[in-house]
PDB file of N, CA and C in Angstrom:
ATOM      1  N   UNK A   1      -4.798 -15.728  -4.671  1.00  0.00           N
ATOM      2  CA  UNK A   1      -5.958 -15.271  -3.933  1.00  0.00           C
ATOM      3  C   UNK A   1      -6.504 -14.011  -4.591  1.00  0.00           C
ATOM      4  N   UNK A   2      -7.772 -13.749  -4.384  1.00  0.00           N
ATOM      5  CA  UNK A   2      -8.431 -12.557  -4.908  1.00  0.00           C
ATOM      6  C   UNK A   2      -8.697 -11.612  -3.749  1.00  0.00           C
ATOM      7  N   UNK A   3      -8.403 -10.328  -3.967  1.00  0.00           N
ATOM      8  CA  UNK A   3      -8.511  -9.340  -2.895  1.00  0.00           C
ATOM      9  C   UNK A   3      -9.291  -8.123  -3.347  1.00  0.00           C
ATOM     10  N   UNK A   4      -9.911  -7.478  -2.380  1.00  0.00           N
ATOM     11  CA  UNK A   4     -10.512  -6.166  -2.580  1.00  0.00           C
ATOM     12  C   UNK A   4      -9.614  -5.182  -1.843  1.00  0.00           C
ATOM     13  N   UNK A   5      -9.172  -4.160  -2.541  1.00  0.00           N
ATOM     14  CA  UNK A   5      -8.287  -3.162  -1.955  1.00  0.00           C
ATOM     15  C   UNK A   5      -9.002  -1.823  -1.890  1.00  0.00           C
ATOM     16  N   UNK A   6      -8.860  -1.132  -0.765  1.00  0.00           N
ATOM     17  CA  UNK A   6      -9.332   0.250  -0.621  1.00  0.00           C
ATOM     18  C   UNK A   6      -8.077   1.071  -0.395  1.00  0.00           C
ATOM     19  N   UNK A   7      -7.671   1.817  -1.401  1.00  0.00           N
ATOM     20  CA  UNK A   7      -6.383   2.507  -1.397  1.00  0.00           C
ATOM     21  C   UNK A   7      -6.593   4.014  -1.344  1.00  0.00           C
ATOM     22  N   UNK A   8      -5.838   4.672  -0.458  1.00  0.00           N
ATOM     23  CA  UNK A   8      -5.884   6.127  -0.375  1.00  0.00           C
ATOM     24  C   UNK A   8      -5.247   6.710  -1.626  1.00  0.00           C
ATOM     25  N   UNK A   9      -6.016   7.539  -2.348  1.00  0.00           N
ATOM     26  CA  UNK A   9      -5.504   8.227  -3.536  1.00  0.00           C
ATOM     27  C   UNK A   9      -5.612   9.725  -3.299  1.00  0.00           C
ATOM     28  N   UNK A  10      -4.531  10.418  -3.562  1.00  0.00           N
ATOM     29  CA  UNK A  10      -4.490  11.870  -3.385  1.00  0.00           C
ATOM     30  C   UNK A  10      -3.514  12.428  -4.412  1.00  0.00           C
ATOM     31  N   UNK A  11      -3.990  13.322  -5.259  1.00  0.00           N
ATOM     32  CA  UNK A  11      -3.198  13.836  -6.378  1.00  0.00           C
ATOM     33  C   UNK A  11      -1.953  14.579  -5.922  1.00  0.00           C
ATOM     34  N   UNK A  12      -2.098  15.393  -4.878  1.00  0.00           N
ATOM     35  CA  UNK A  12      -0.961  16.154  -4.345  1.00  0.00           C
ATOM     36  C   UNK A  12      -1.302  16.644  -2.942  1.00  0.00           C
ATOM     37  N   UNK A  13      -0.377  17.358  -2.333  1.00  0.00           N
ATOM     38  CA  UNK A  13      -0.561  17.802  -0.948  1.00  0.00           C
ATOM     39  C   UNK A  13      -1.741  18.756  -0.784  1.00  0.00           C
ATOM     40  N   UNK A  14      -2.078  19.498  -1.828  1.00  0.00           N
ATOM     41  CA  UNK A  14      -3.146  20.493  -1.740  1.00  0.00           C
ATOM     42  C   UNK A  14      -4.530  19.919  -2.018  1.00  0.00           C
ATOM     43  N   UNK A  15      -4.598  18.788  -2.663  1.00  0.00           N
ATOM     44  CA  UNK A  15      -5.903  18.235  -3.047  1.00  0.00           C
ATOM     45  C   UNK A  15      -6.489  17.364  -1.947  1.00  0.00           C
ATOM     46  N   UNK A  16      -7.787  17.144  -2.039  1.00  0.00           N
ATOM     47  CA  UNK A  16      -8.480  16.244  -1.121  1.00  0.00           C
ATOM     48  C   UNK A  16      -8.215  14.809  -1.572  1.00  0.00           C
ATOM     49  N   UNK A  17      -8.008  13.939  -0.633  1.00  0.00           N
ATOM     50  CA  UNK A  17      -7.825  12.531  -0.960  1.00  0.00           C
ATOM     51  C   UNK A  17      -9.088  11.736  -0.681  1.00  0.00           C
ATOM     52  N   UNK A  18      -9.088  10.477  -1.127  1.00  0.00           N
ATOM     53  CA  UNK A  18     -10.223   9.594  -0.875  1.00  0.00           C
ATOM     54  C   UNK A  18      -9.770   8.152  -1.044  1.00  0.00           C
ATOM     55  N   UNK A  19     -10.538   7.257  -0.471  1.00  0.00           N
ATOM     56  CA  UNK A  19     -10.284   5.833  -0.652  1.00  0.00           C
ATOM     57  C   UNK A  19     -10.925   5.376  -1.956  1.00  0.00           C
ATOM     58  N   UNK A  20     -10.158   4.650  -2.752  1.00  0.00           N
ATOM     59  CA  UNK A  20     -10.633   4.140  -4.037  1.00  0.00           C
ATOM     60  C   UNK A  20     -10.580   2.614  -3.985  1.00  0.00           C
ATOM     61  N   UNK A  21     -11.642   1.981  -4.457  1.00  0.00           N
ATOM     62  CA  UNK A  21     -11.741   0.522  -4.424  1.00  0.00           C
ATOM     63  C   UNK A  21     -11.172  -0.101  -5.697  1.00  0.00           C
ATOM     64  N   UNK A  22     -10.414  -1.174  -5.499  1.00  0.00           N
ATOM     65  CA  UNK A  22      -9.849  -1.951  -6.599  1.00  0.00           C
ATOM     66  C   UNK A  22     -10.035  -3.429  -6.287  1.00  0.00           C
ATOM     67  N   UNK A  23     -10.086  -4.233  -7.327  1.00  0.00           N
ATOM     68  CA  UNK A  23     -10.075  -5.686  -7.163  1.00  0.00           C
ATOM     69  C   UNK A  23      -8.805  -6.208  -7.803  1.00  0.00           C
ATOM     70  N   UNK A  24      -8.175  -7.146  -7.127  1.00  0.00           N
ATOM     71  CA  UNK A  24      -6.937  -7.731  -7.631  1.00  0.00           C
ATOM     72  C   UNK A  24      -7.070  -9.245  -7.562  1.00  0.00           C
ATOM     73  N   UNK A  25      -6.806  -9.896  -8.677  1.00  0.00           N
ATOM     74  CA  UNK A  25      -6.971 -11.353  -8.761  1.00  0.00           C
ATOM     75  C   UNK A  25      -5.614 -12.051  -8.867  1.00  0.00           C
ATOM     76  N   UNK A  26      -5.609 -13.290  -8.451  1.00  0.00           N
ATOM     77  CA  UNK A  26      -4.437 -14.162  -8.598  1.00  0.00           C
ATOM     78  C   UNK A  26      -3.187 -13.624  -7.907  1.00  0.00           C
ATOM     79  N   UNK A  27      -3.349 -13.149  -6.690  1.00  0.00           N
ATOM     80  CA  UNK A  27      -2.215 -12.674  -5.892  1.00  0.00           C
ATOM     81  C   UNK A  27      -1.591 -13.882  -5.199  1.00  0.00           C
ATOM     82  N   UNK A  28      -0.321 -14.090  -5.416  1.00  0.00           N
ATOM     83  CA  UNK A  28       0.370 -15.213  -4.781  1.00  0.00           C
ATOM     84  C   UNK A  28       0.544 -14.946  -3.289  1.00  0.00           C
ATOM     85  N   UNK A  29       0.296 -15.926  -2.441  1.00  0.00           N
ATOM     86  CA  UNK A  29       0.531 -15.751  -1.004  1.00  0.00           C
ATOM     87  C   UNK A  29       2.010 -15.543  -0.687  1.00  0.00           C
ATOM     88  N   UNK A  30       2.883 -15.845  -1.641  1.00  0.00           N
ATOM     89  CA  UNK A  30       4.324 -15.658  -1.434  1.00  0.00           C
ATOM     90  C   UNK A  30       4.781 -14.233  -1.741  1.00  0.00           C
ATOM     91  N   UNK A  31       3.930 -13.431  -2.381  1.00  0.00           N
ATOM     92  CA  UNK A  31       4.284 -12.035  -2.660  1.00  0.00           C
ATOM     93  C   UNK A  31       4.425 -11.264  -1.363  1.00  0.00           C
ATOM     94  N   UNK A  32       5.324 -10.284  -1.368  1.00  0.00           N
ATOM     95  CA  UNK A  32       5.351  -9.322  -0.268  1.00  0.00           C
ATOM     96  C   UNK A  32       4.220  -8.320  -0.502  1.00  0.00           C
ATOM     97  N   UNK A  33       3.913  -7.539   0.512  1.00  0.00           N
ATOM     98  CA  UNK A  33       2.862  -6.534   0.371  1.00  0.00           C
ATOM     99  C   UNK A  33       3.208  -5.552  -0.747  1.00  0.00           C
ATOM    100  N   UNK A  34       4.485  -5.160  -0.842  1.00  0.00           N
ATOM    101  CA  UNK A  34       4.885  -4.226  -1.894  1.00  0.00           C
ATOM    102  C   UNK A  34       4.822  -4.874  -3.275  1.00  0.00           C
ATOM    103  N   UNK A  35       5.114  -6.154  -3.370  1.00  0.00           N
ATOM    104  CA  UNK A  35       4.958  -6.848  -4.651  1.00  0.00           C
ATOM    105  C   UNK A  35       3.491  -6.882  -5.059  1.00  0.00           C
ATOM    106  N   UNK A  36       2.607  -6.995  -4.082  1.00  0.00           N
ATOM    107  CA  UNK A  36       1.173  -6.935  -4.376  1.00  0.00           C
ATOM    108  C   UNK A  36       0.812  -5.550  -4.908  1.00  0.00           C
ATOM    109  N   UNK A  37       1.387  -4.486  -4.307  1.00  0.00           N
ATOM    110  CA  UNK A  37       1.140  -3.134  -4.824  1.00  0.00           C
ATOM    111  C   UNK A  37       1.723  -2.971  -6.226  1.00  0.00           C
ATOM    112  N   UNK A  38       2.874  -3.584  -6.491  1.00  0.00           N
ATOM    113  CA  UNK A  38       3.435  -3.573  -7.846  1.00  0.00           C
ATOM    114  C   UNK A  38       2.464  -4.224  -8.830  1.00  0.00           C
ATOM    115  N   UNK A  39       1.869  -5.340  -8.429  1.00  0.00           N
ATOM    116  CA  UNK A  39       0.895  -6.043  -9.268  1.00  0.00           C
ATOM    117  C   UNK A  39      -0.317  -5.149  -9.548  1.00  0.00           C
ATOM    118  N   UNK A  40      -0.794  -4.454  -8.518  1.00  0.00           N
ATOM    119  CA  UNK A  40      -1.898  -3.512  -8.706  1.00  0.00           C
ATOM    120  C   UNK A  40      -1.501  -2.430  -9.707  1.00  0.00           C
ATOM    121  N   UNK A  41      -0.298  -1.873  -9.559  1.00  0.00           N
ATOM    122  CA  UNK A  41       0.137  -0.808 -10.465  1.00  0.00           C
ATOM    123  C   UNK A  41       0.270  -1.291 -11.903  1.00  0.00           C
ATOM    124  N   UNK A  42       0.741  -2.514 -12.099  1.00  0.00           N
ATOM    125  CA  UNK A  42       0.802  -3.072 -13.453  1.00  0.00           C
ATOM    126  C   UNK A  42      -0.598  -3.140 -14.057  1.00  0.00           C
ATOM    127  N   UNK A  43      -1.563  -3.575 -13.261  1.00  0.00           N
ATOM    128  CA  UNK A  43      -2.956  -3.658 -13.712  1.00  0.00           C
ATOM    129  C   UNK A  43      -3.485  -2.268 -14.059  1.00  0.00           C
ATOM    130  N   UNK A  44      -3.241  -1.295 -13.178  1.00  0.00           N
ATOM    131  CA  UNK A  44      -3.725   0.065 -13.417  1.00  0.00           C
ATOM    132  C   UNK A  44      -3.130   0.641 -14.699  1.00  0.00           C
ATOM    133  N   UNK A  45      -1.837   0.443 -14.916  1.00  0.00           N
ATOM    134  CA  UNK A  45      -1.192   0.983 -16.115  1.00  0.00           C
ATOM    135  C   UNK A  45      -1.721   0.314 -17.382  1.00  0.00           C
ATOM    136  N   UNK A  46      -1.985  -0.995 -17.317  1.00  0.00           N
ATOM    137  CA  UNK A  46      -2.589  -1.682 -18.477  1.00  0.00           C
ATOM    138  C   UNK A  46      -3.953  -1.097 -18.811  1.00  0.00           C
ATOM    139  N   UNK A  47      -4.673  -0.638 -17.769  1.00  0.00           N
ATOM    140  CA  UNK A  47      -6.010  -0.077 -17.954  1.00  0.00           C
ATOM    141  C   UNK A  47      -5.982   1.426 -18.224  1.00  0.00           C
ATOM    142  N   UNK A  48      -4.781   2.007 -18.368  1.00  0.00           N
ATOM    143  CA  UNK A  48      -4.653   3.425 -18.675  1.00  0.00           C
ATOM    144  C   UNK A  48      -4.830   4.350 -17.488  1.00  0.00           C
ATOM    145  N   UNK A  49      -4.743   3.808 -16.285  1.00  0.00           N
ATOM    146  CA  UNK A  49      -4.870   4.621 -15.075  1.00  0.00           C
ATOM    147  C   UNK A  49      -3.492   4.913 -14.491  1.00  0.00           C
ATOM    148  N   UNK A  50      -3.441   5.931 -13.651  1.00  0.00           N
ATOM    149  CA  UNK A  50      -2.188   6.265 -12.976  1.00  0.00           C
ATOM    150  C   UNK A  50      -1.895   5.242 -11.885  1.00  0.00           C
ATOM    151  N   UNK A  51      -0.622   4.840 -11.751  1.00  0.00           N
ATOM    152  CA  UNK A  51      -0.273   3.904 -10.682  1.00  0.00           C
ATOM    153  C   UNK A  51      -0.361   4.570  -9.312  1.00  0.00           C
ATOM    154  N   UNK A  52      -0.478   3.755  -8.285  1.00  0.00           N
ATOM    155  CA  UNK A  52      -0.493   4.235  -6.901  1.00  0.00           C
ATOM    156  C   UNK A  52       0.945   4.548  -6.497  1.00  0.00           C
ATOM    157  N   UNK A  53       1.175   5.777  -6.036  1.00  0.00           N
ATOM    158  CA  UNK A  53       2.509   6.159  -5.566  1.00  0.00           C
ATOM    159  C   UNK A  53       2.696   5.653  -4.140  1.00  0.00           C
ATOM    160  N   UNK A  54       3.815   4.967  -3.906  1.00  0.00           N
ATOM    161  CA  UNK A  54       4.149   4.514  -2.556  1.00  0.00           C
ATOM    162  C   UNK A  54       5.660   4.513  -2.395  1.00  0.00           C
ATOM    163  N   UNK A  55       6.104   4.702  -1.152  1.00  0.00           N
ATOM    164  CA  UNK A  55       7.533   4.750  -0.854  1.00  0.00           C
ATOM    165  C   UNK A  55       8.099   3.362  -0.642  1.00  0.00           C
ATOM    166  N   UNK A  56       9.321   3.184  -1.101  1.00  0.00           N
ATOM    167  CA  UNK A  56      10.079   1.962  -0.821  1.00  0.00           C
ATOM    168  C   UNK A  56      11.527   2.254  -1.171  1.00  0.00           C
ATOM    169  N   UNK A  57      12.414   1.508  -0.601  1.00  0.00           N
ATOM    170  CA  UNK A  57      13.824   1.665  -0.928  1.00  0.00           C
ATOM    171  C   UNK A  57      14.495   0.302  -0.926  1.00  0.00           C
ATOM    172  N   UNK A  58      14.791  -0.211   0.246  1.00  0.00           N
ATOM    173  CA  UNK A  58      15.582  -1.441   0.315  1.00  0.00           C
ATOM    174  C   UNK A  58      14.780  -2.709   0.044  1.00  0.00           C
ATOM    175  N   UNK A  59      13.495  -2.707   0.369  1.00  0.00           N
ATOM    176  CA  UNK A  59      12.631  -3.893   0.268  1.00  0.00           C
ATOM    177  C   UNK A  59      13.202  -5.083   1.037  1.00  0.00           C
ATOM    178  N   UNK A  60      13.983  -4.789   2.063  1.00  0.00           N
ATOM    179  CA  UNK A  60      14.593  -5.834   2.886  1.00  0.00           C
ATOM    180  C   UNK A  60      14.267  -5.668   4.367  1.00  0.00           C
ATOM    181  N   UNK A  61      13.361  -4.750   4.710  1.00  0.00           N
ATOM    182  CA  UNK A  61      12.975  -4.561   6.104  1.00  0.00           C
ATOM    183  C   UNK A  61      13.960  -3.765   6.929  1.00  0.00           C
ATOM    184  N   UNK A  62      14.821  -2.990   6.274  1.00  0.00           N
ATOM    185  CA  UNK A  62      15.871  -2.262   6.984  1.00  0.00           C
ATOM    186  C   UNK A  62      15.587  -0.764   7.070  1.00  0.00           C
ATOM    187  N   UNK A  63      15.196  -0.143   5.971  1.00  0.00           N
ATOM    188  CA  UNK A  63      15.172   1.326   5.903  1.00  0.00           C
ATOM    189  C   UNK A  63      13.917   1.973   6.484  1.00  0.00           C
ATOM    190  N   UNK A  64      12.785   1.301   6.463  1.00  0.00           N
ATOM    191  CA  UNK A  64      11.549   1.859   6.997  1.00  0.00           C
ATOM    192  C   UNK A  64      10.782   2.763   6.053  1.00  0.00           C
ATOM    193  N   UNK A  65      11.249   2.937   4.828  1.00  0.00           N
ATOM    194  CA  UNK A  65      10.564   3.812   3.872  1.00  0.00           C
ATOM    195  C   UNK A  65       9.177   3.300   3.479  1.00  0.00           C
ATOM    196  N   UNK A  66       8.935   2.024   3.649  1.00  0.00           N
ATOM    197  CA  UNK A  66       7.693   1.414   3.180  1.00  0.00           C
ATOM    198  C   UNK A  66       6.555   1.506   4.195  1.00  0.00           C
ATOM    199  N   UNK A  67       6.729   2.297   5.236  1.00  0.00           N
ATOM    200  CA  UNK A  67       5.708   2.378   6.272  1.00  0.00           C
ATOM    201  C   UNK A  67       4.342   2.783   5.733  1.00  0.00           C
ATOM    202  N   UNK A  68       3.334   1.981   6.049  1.00  0.00           N
ATOM    203  CA  UNK A  68       1.951   2.211   5.636  1.00  0.00           C
ATOM    204  C   UNK A  68       1.028   1.846   6.784  1.00  0.00           C
ATOM    205  N   UNK A  69      -0.195   2.323   6.706  1.00  0.00           N
ATOM    206  CA  UNK A  69      -1.254   1.843   7.587  1.00  0.00           C
ATOM    207  C   UNK A  69      -2.036   0.805   6.788  1.00  0.00           C
ATOM    208  N   UNK A  70      -2.092  -0.407   7.309  1.00  0.00           N
ATOM    209  CA  UNK A  70      -2.768  -1.509   6.635  1.00  0.00           C
ATOM    210  C   UNK A  70      -3.886  -1.990   7.550  1.00  0.00           C
ATOM    211  N   UNK A  71      -5.120  -1.804   7.096  1.00  0.00           N
ATOM    212  CA  UNK A  71      -6.302  -2.116   7.918  1.00  0.00           C
ATOM    213  C   UNK A  71      -6.230  -1.421   9.277  1.00  0.00           C
ATOM    214  N   UNK A  72      -5.756  -0.173   9.259  1.00  0.00           N
ATOM    215  CA  UNK A  72      -5.715   0.636  10.473  1.00  0.00           C
ATOM    216  C   UNK A  72      -4.572   0.338  11.417  1.00  0.00           C
ATOM    217  N   UNK A  73      -3.660  -0.541  11.016  1.00  0.00           N
ATOM    218  CA  UNK A  73      -2.538  -0.936  11.866  1.00  0.00           C
ATOM    219  C   UNK A  73      -1.230  -0.585  11.157  1.00  0.00           C
ATOM    220  N   UNK A  74      -0.308   0.032  11.878  1.00  0.00           N
ATOM    221  CA  UNK A  74       0.992   0.350  11.295  1.00  0.00           C
ATOM    222  C   UNK A  74       1.666  -0.923  10.810  1.00  0.00           C
ATOM    223  N   UNK A  75       2.035  -0.968   9.557  1.00  0.00           N
ATOM    224  CA  UNK A  75       2.724  -2.084   8.898  1.00  0.00           C
ATOM    225  C   UNK A  75       1.852  -3.322   8.697  1.00  0.00           C
ATOM    226  N   UNK A  76       0.641  -3.350   9.223  1.00  0.00           N
ATOM    227  CA  UNK A  76      -0.244  -4.482   8.985  1.00  0.00           C
ATOM    228  C   UNK A  76      -0.369  -5.444  10.144  1.00  0.00           C
ATOM    229  N   UNK A  77      -0.926  -6.626   9.872  1.00  0.00           N
ATOM    230  CA  UNK A  77      -1.347  -7.532  10.942  1.00  0.00           C
ATOM    231  C   UNK A  77      -0.237  -8.296  11.657  1.00  0.00           C
ATOM    232  N   UNK A  78       0.951  -8.329  11.108  1.00  0.00           N
ATOM    233  CA  UNK A  78       2.026  -9.112  11.730  1.00  0.00           C
ATOM    234  C   UNK A  78       2.960  -8.184  12.498  1.00  0.00           C
ATOM    235  N   UNK A  79       3.131  -8.432  13.778  1.00  0.00           N
ATOM    236  CA  UNK A  79       3.956  -7.583  14.644  1.00  0.00           C
ATOM    237  C   UNK A  79       5.427  -7.642  14.238  1.00  0.00           C
ATOM    238  N   UNK A  80       6.097  -6.492  14.388  1.00  0.00           N
ATOM    239  CA  UNK A  80       7.546  -6.369  14.179  1.00  0.00           C
ATOM    240  C   UNK A  80       7.983  -6.700  12.751  1.00  0.00           C
ATOM    241  N   UNK A  81       7.105  -6.438  11.776  1.00  0.00           N
ATOM    242  CA  UNK A  81       7.421  -6.696  10.370  1.00  0.00           C
ATOM    243  C   UNK A  81       7.062  -5.450   9.570  1.00  0.00           C
ATOM    244  N   UNK A  82       7.977  -4.997   8.723  1.00  0.00           N
ATOM    245  CA  UNK A  82       7.688  -3.854   7.861  1.00  0.00           C
ATOM    246  C   UNK A  82       6.821  -4.302   6.685  1.00  0.00           C
ATOM    247  N   UNK A  83       6.205  -3.336   6.002  1.00  0.00           N
ATOM    248  CA  UNK A  83       5.300  -3.669   4.893  1.00  0.00           C
ATOM    249  C   UNK A  83       6.013  -4.443   3.786  1.00  0.00           C
ATOM    250  N   UNK A  84       7.290  -4.143   3.560  1.00  0.00           N
ATOM    251  CA  UNK A  84       8.006  -4.852   2.490  1.00  0.00           C
ATOM    252  C   UNK A  84       8.309  -6.301   2.852  1.00  0.00           C
ATOM    253  N   UNK A  85       8.284  -6.625   4.132  1.00  0.00           N
ATOM    254  CA  UNK A  85       8.544  -7.995   4.575  1.00  0.00           C
ATOM    255  C   UNK A  85       7.256  -8.738   4.945  1.00  0.00           C
ATOM    256  N   UNK A  86       6.138  -8.027   4.902  1.00  0.00           N
ATOM    257  CA  UNK A  86       4.839  -8.634   5.171  1.00  0.00           C
ATOM    258  C   UNK A  86       4.418  -9.429   3.940  1.00  0.00           C
ATOM    259  N   UNK A  87       4.166 -10.709   4.108  1.00  0.00           N
ATOM    260  CA  UNK A  87       3.767 -11.543   2.979  1.00  0.00           C
ATOM    261  C   UNK A  87       2.249 -11.665   2.909  1.00  0.00           C
ATOM    262  N   UNK A  88       1.770 -11.865   1.710  1.00  0.00           N
ATOM    263  CA  UNK A  88       0.333 -11.922   1.478  1.00  0.00           C
ATOM    264  C   UNK A  88      -0.305 -13.154   2.104  1.00  0.00           C
ATOM    265  N   UNK A  89       0.485 -14.128   2.525  1.00  0.00           N
ATOM    266  CA  UNK A  89      -0.071 -15.301   3.218  1.00  0.00           C
ATOM    267  C   UNK A  89      -0.676 -14.921   4.564  1.00  0.00           C
ATOM    268  N   UNK A  90      -0.428 -13.681   5.025  1.00  0.00           N
ATOM    269  CA  UNK A  90      -1.036 -13.190   6.257  1.00  0.00           C
ATOM    270  C   UNK A  90      -2.463 -12.694   6.031  1.00  0.00           C
ATOM    271  N   UNK A  91      -2.929 -12.761   4.786  1.00  0.00           N
ATOM    272  CA  UNK A  91      -4.286 -12.364   4.427  1.00  0.00           C
ATOM    273  C   UNK A  91      -4.997 -13.584   3.843  1.00  0.00           C
ATOM    274  N   UNK A  92      -6.298 -13.448   3.617  1.00  0.00           N
ATOM    275  CA  UNK A  92      -7.094 -14.570   3.114  1.00  0.00           C
ATOM    276  C   UNK A  92      -7.802 -14.193   1.818  1.00  0.00           C
ATOM    277  N   UNK A  93      -8.079 -15.200   1.013  1.00  0.00           N
ATOM    278  CA  UNK A  93      -8.822 -15.006  -0.222  1.00  0.00           C
ATOM    279  C   UNK A  93     -10.128 -14.283   0.080  1.00  0.00           C
ATOM    280  N   UNK A  94     -10.410 -13.224  -0.682  1.00  0.00           N
ATOM    281  CA  UNK A  94     -11.642 -12.464  -0.502  1.00  0.00           C
ATOM    282  C   UNK A  94     -11.544 -11.326   0.496  1.00  0.00           C
ATOM    283  N   UNK A  95     -10.411 -11.198   1.185  1.00  0.00           N
ATOM    284  CA  UNK A  95     -10.244 -10.114   2.163  1.00  0.00           C
ATOM    285  C   UNK A  95     -10.349  -8.746   1.501  1.00  0.00           C
ATOM    286  N   UNK A  96     -10.820  -7.780   2.276  1.00  0.00           N
ATOM    287  CA  UNK A  96     -10.730  -6.372   1.907  1.00  0.00           C
ATOM    288  C   UNK A  96      -9.598  -5.781   2.724  1.00  0.00           C
ATOM    289  N   UNK A  97      -8.648  -5.146   2.041  1.00  0.00           N
ATOM    290  CA  UNK A  97      -7.486  -4.554   2.701  1.00  0.00           C
ATOM    291  C   UNK A  97      -7.531  -3.051   2.471  1.00  0.00           C
ATOM    292  N   UNK A  98      -7.519  -2.285   3.564  1.00  0.00           N
ATOM    293  CA  UNK A  98      -7.518  -0.823   3.493  1.00  0.00           C
ATOM    294  C   UNK A  98      -6.074  -0.356   3.648  1.00  0.00           C
ATOM    295  N   UNK A  99      -5.595   0.413   2.660  1.00  0.00           N
ATOM    296  CA  UNK A  99      -4.198   0.852   2.632  1.00  0.00           C
ATOM    297  C   UNK A  99      -4.167   2.374   2.641  1.00  0.00           C
ATOM    298  N   UNK A 100      -3.542   2.930   3.688  1.00  0.00           N
ATOM    299  CA  UNK A 100      -3.480   4.379   3.851  1.00  0.00           C
ATOM    300  C   UNK A 100      -2.059   4.809   4.194  1.00  0.00           C
ATOM    301  N   UNK A 101      -1.750   6.079   3.951  1.00  0.00           N
ATOM    302  CA  UNK A 101      -0.439   6.594   4.367  1.00  0.00           C
ATOM    303  C   UNK A 101      -0.423   6.825   5.873  1.00  0.00           C
ATOM    304  N   UNK A 102       0.771   7.087   6.405  1.00  0.00           N
ATOM    305  CA  UNK A 102       0.875   7.494   7.808  1.00  0.00           C
ATOM    306  C   UNK A 102       0.034   8.741   8.016  1.00  0.00           C
ATOM    307  N   UNK A 103      -0.699   8.794   9.112  1.00  0.00           N
ATOM    308  CA  UNK A 103      -1.525   9.962   9.440  1.00  0.00           C
ATOM    309  C   UNK A 103      -0.876  10.688  10.606  1.00  0.00           C
ATOM    310  N   UNK A 104       0.025  11.601  10.297  1.00  0.00           N
ATOM    311  CA  UNK A 104       0.706  12.360  11.342  1.00  0.00           C
ATOM    312  C   UNK A 104       1.032  13.749  10.814  1.00  0.00           C
ATOM    313  N   UNK A 105       0.880  14.740  11.660  1.00  0.00           N
ATOM    314  CA  UNK A 105       1.202  16.111  11.270  1.00  0.00           C
ATOM    315  C   UNK A 105       2.646  16.214  10.800  1.00  0.00           C
ATOM    316  N   UNK A 106       3.519  15.430  11.419  1.00  0.00           N
ATOM    317  CA  UNK A 106       4.938  15.466  11.061  1.00  0.00           C
ATOM    318  C   UNK A 106       5.216  14.892   9.674  1.00  0.00           C
ATOM    319  N   UNK A 107       4.285  14.118   9.128  1.00  0.00           N
ATOM    320  CA  UNK A 107       4.467  13.489   7.823  1.00  0.00           C
ATOM    321  C   UNK A 107       3.319  13.853   6.886  1.00  0.00           C
ATOM    322  N   UNK A 108       3.311  15.070   6.320  1.00  0.00           N
ATOM    323  CA  UNK A 108       2.226  15.441   5.410  1.00  0.00           C
ATOM    324  C   UNK A 108       2.268  14.596   4.131  1.00  0.00           C
ATOM    325  N   UNK A 109       1.092  14.341   3.600  1.00  0.00           N
ATOM    326  CA  UNK A 109       0.986  13.532   2.383  1.00  0.00           C
ATOM    327  C   UNK A 109       1.476  14.334   1.183  1.00  0.00           C
ATOM    328  N   UNK A 110       2.300  13.692   0.367  1.00  0.00           N
ATOM    329  CA  UNK A 110       2.771  14.286  -0.881  1.00  0.00           C
ATOM    330  C   UNK A 110       1.873  13.833  -2.032  1.00  0.00           C
ATOM    331  N   UNK A 111       1.676  12.513  -2.133  1.00  0.00           N
ATOM    332  CA  UNK A 111       0.825  11.932  -3.175  1.00  0.00           C
ATOM    333  C   UNK A 111       0.479  10.504  -2.768  1.00  0.00           C
ATOM    334  N   UNK A 112      -0.777  10.138  -2.901  1.00  0.00           N
ATOM    335  CA  UNK A 112      -1.248   8.783  -2.597  1.00  0.00           C
ATOM    336  C   UNK A 112      -0.720   8.314  -1.245  1.00  0.00           C
ATOM    337  N   UNK A 113       0.170   7.325  -1.246  1.00  0.00           N
ATOM    338  CA  UNK A 113       0.683   6.747  -0.005  1.00  0.00           C
ATOM    339  C   UNK A 113       2.046   7.315   0.393  1.00  0.00           C
ATOM    340  N   UNK A 114       2.528   8.297  -0.352  1.00  0.00           N
ATOM    341  CA  UNK A 114       3.845   8.893  -0.100  1.00  0.00           C
ATOM    342  C   UNK A 114       3.701  10.081   0.841  1.00  0.00           C
ATOM    343  N   UNK A 115       4.503  10.080   1.901  1.00  0.00           N
ATOM    344  CA  UNK A 115       4.508  11.189   2.853  1.00  0.00           C
ATOM    345  C   UNK A 115       5.880  11.846   2.875  1.00  0.00           C
ATOM    346  N   UNK A 116       5.904  13.110   3.319  1.00  0.00           N
ATOM    347  CA  UNK A 116       7.154  13.854   3.444  1.00  0.00           C
ATOM    348  C   UNK A 116       7.807  13.480   4.766  1.00  0.00           C
ATOM    349  N   UNK A 117       8.940  12.815   4.699  1.00  0.00           N
ATOM    350  CA  UNK A 117       9.646  12.360   5.899  1.00  0.00           C
ATOM    351  C   UNK A 117      10.803  13.274   6.291  1.00  0.00           C
ATOM    352  N   UNK A 118      10.936  14.414   5.631  1.00  0.00           N
ATOM    353  CA  UNK A 118      12.061  15.307   5.957  1.00  0.00           C
ATOM    354  C   UNK A 118      11.795  16.135   7.187  1.00  0.00           C
TER     355      UNK A 118
END
């Protein structure tokens, strides 16, 4: 499937962030959301751009490090599923997906989608 992504990019905690638009082609519906972000980062690096920073650890739905806001909803459109367990089959060809970090005073942004959880 082909997707339009609007991804929060922020150089560091002191800088202003903004949503940046990307297009991603040939995303398998079997990919997890994080695998889709990996695919985006591979594309960005091939094009000489910096990859999108995002948190992950277990990629098994256990640790919670992958928490993101996806289209304004914590973890995305499927209830009780973490971002690493959310599969791209929950989206449709041509969709625009807005990806942002957690927006909470307790979790200040470090870079892009990475927040300080300490």
